[in-house]
C-alpha atoms as a PDB file:
ATOM      1  CA  MET A   1     -20.196 -28.791  27.224  1.00  0.00           C
ATOM      2  CA  PRO A   2     -17.673 -28.019  24.505  1.00  0.00           C
ATOM      3  CA  ASP A   3     -19.870 -25.279  23.045  1.00  0.00           C
ATOM      4  CA  GLU A   4     -19.558 -23.116  26.141  1.00  0.00           C
ATOM      5  CA  ARG A   5     -15.769 -23.557  26.258  1.00  0.00           C
ATOM      6  CA  ASP A   6     -15.466 -22.595  22.579  1.00  0.00           C
ATOM      7  CA  ARG A   7     -17.616 -19.541  23.134  1.00  0.00           C
ATOM      8  CA  ASP A   8     -15.522 -18.472  26.153  1.00  0.00           C
ATOM      9  CA  GLN A   9     -12.255 -18.785  24.232  1.00  0.00           C
ATOM     10  CA  GLN A  10     -13.493 -17.099  21.049  1.00  0.00           C
ATOM     11  CA  PRO A  11     -13.034 -13.446  22.184  1.00  0.00           C
ATOM     12  CA  GLU A  12      -9.495 -14.256  23.331  1.00  0.00           C
ATOM     13  CA  ASN A  13      -8.743 -15.809  19.956  1.00  0.00           C
ATOM     14  CA  ASP A  14     -10.179 -12.784  18.164  1.00  0.00           C
ATOM     15  CA  ALA A  15      -8.070 -10.481  20.321  1.00  0.00           C
ATOM     16  CA  ASP A  16      -4.962 -12.548  19.593  1.00  0.00           C
ATOM     17  CA  ARG A  17      -5.742 -12.488  15.874  1.00  0.00           C
ATOM     18  CA  ARG A  18      -6.214  -8.700  15.927  1.00  0.00           C
ATOM     19  CA  ARG A  19      -2.975  -8.261  17.864  1.00  0.00           C
ATOM     20  CA  ARG A  20      -1.063 -10.446  15.401  1.00  0.00           C
ATOM     21  CA  ARG A  21      -2.620  -8.606  12.455  1.00  0.00           C
ATOM     22  CA  ALA A  22      -1.707  -5.225  13.921  1.00  0.00           C
ATOM     23  CA  GLN A  23       1.883  -6.397  14.487  1.00  0.00           C
ATOM     24  CA  PHE A  24       2.059  -7.671  10.910  1.00  0.00           C
ATOM     25  CA  LEU A  25       0.752  -4.414   9.483  1.00  0.00           C
ATOM     26  CA  ARG A  26       3.238  -2.397  11.582  1.00  0.00           C
ATOM     27  CA  GLU A  27       6.125  -4.536  10.318  1.00  0.00           C
ATOM     28  CA  LEU A  28       4.862  -4.318   6.736  1.00  0.00           C
ATOM     29  CA  HIS A  29       4.663  -0.527   6.962  1.00  0.00           C
ATOM     30  CA  GLU A  30       8.174  -0.389   8.441  1.00  0.00           C
ATOM     31  CA  ALA A  31       9.521  -2.624   5.667  1.00  0.00           C
ATOM     32  CA  LYS A  32       7.939  -0.449   2.974  1.00  0.00           C
ATOM     33  CA  ALA A  33       9.376   2.694   4.549  1.00  0.00           C
ATOM     34  CA  LEU A  34      12.810   1.092   4.692  1.00  0.00           C
ATOM     35  CA  ARG A  35      12.563   0.065   1.029  1.00  0.00           C
ATOM     36  CA  GLU A  36      11.665   3.650   0.066  1.00  0.00           C
ATOM     37  CA  ARG A  37      14.706   4.977   1.909  1.00  0.00           C
ATOM     38  CA  VAL A  38      17.047   2.397   0.397  1.00  0.00           C
ATOM     39  CA  GLN A  39      15.727   2.491  -3.192  1.00  0.00           C
ATOM     40  CA  PRO A  40      14.006   5.863  -3.681  1.00  0.00           C
ATOM     41  CA  ARG A  41      13.894   5.676  -7.505  1.00  0.00           C
ATOM     42  CA  ARG A  42      12.363   2.197  -7.554  1.00  0.00           C
ATOM     43  CA  ALA A  43       9.918   3.179  -4.805  1.00  0.00           C
ATOM     44  CA  ARG A  44       8.906   6.282  -6.764  1.00  0.00           C
ATOM     45  CA  ALA A  45       8.326   4.202  -9.874  1.00  0.00           C
ATOM     46  CA  ALA A  46       6.209   1.756  -7.850  1.00  0.00           C
ATOM     47  CA  ARG A  47       4.120   4.665  -6.495  1.00  0.00           C
ATOM     48  CA  MET A  48       3.618   5.991 -10.026  1.00  0.00           C
ATOM     49  CA  ARG A  49       2.506   2.552 -11.248  1.00  0.00           C
ATOM     50  CA  GLN A  50       0.086   2.263  -8.334  1.00  0.00           C
ATOM     51  CA  ALA A  51      -1.298   5.739  -9.063  1.00  0.00           C
ATOM     52  CA  MET A  52      -1.798   4.793 -12.729  1.00  0.00           C
ATOM     53  CA  ARG A  53      -3.590   1.612 -11.659  1.00  0.00           C
ATOM     54  CA  MET A  54      -5.902   3.600  -9.408  1.00  0.00           C
ATOM     55  CA  ARG A  55      -6.654   6.111 -12.152  1.00  0.00           C
ATOM     56  CA  THR A  56      -7.645   3.421 -14.613  1.00  0.00           C
ATOM     57  CA  PHE A  57      -9.633   1.386 -12.068  1.00  0.00           C
ATOM     58  CA  ARG A  58     -13.369   1.284 -12.694  1.00  0.00           C
ATOM     59  CA  TRP A  59     -15.770   1.036  -9.787  1.00  0.00           C
END
């Protein structure tokens, strides 16, 4: 019965996917923080551009 095996492994796969996603997001956040420390002017300009994008965004 392959259906039962697939169903049994699905939660483990979801947990692995969530774990990998969480790890990726942690590393992404760390990389962004490092970039801000290394290039504060460029990071500030990027934040200002993002803020302008959000102000002009229409729901």
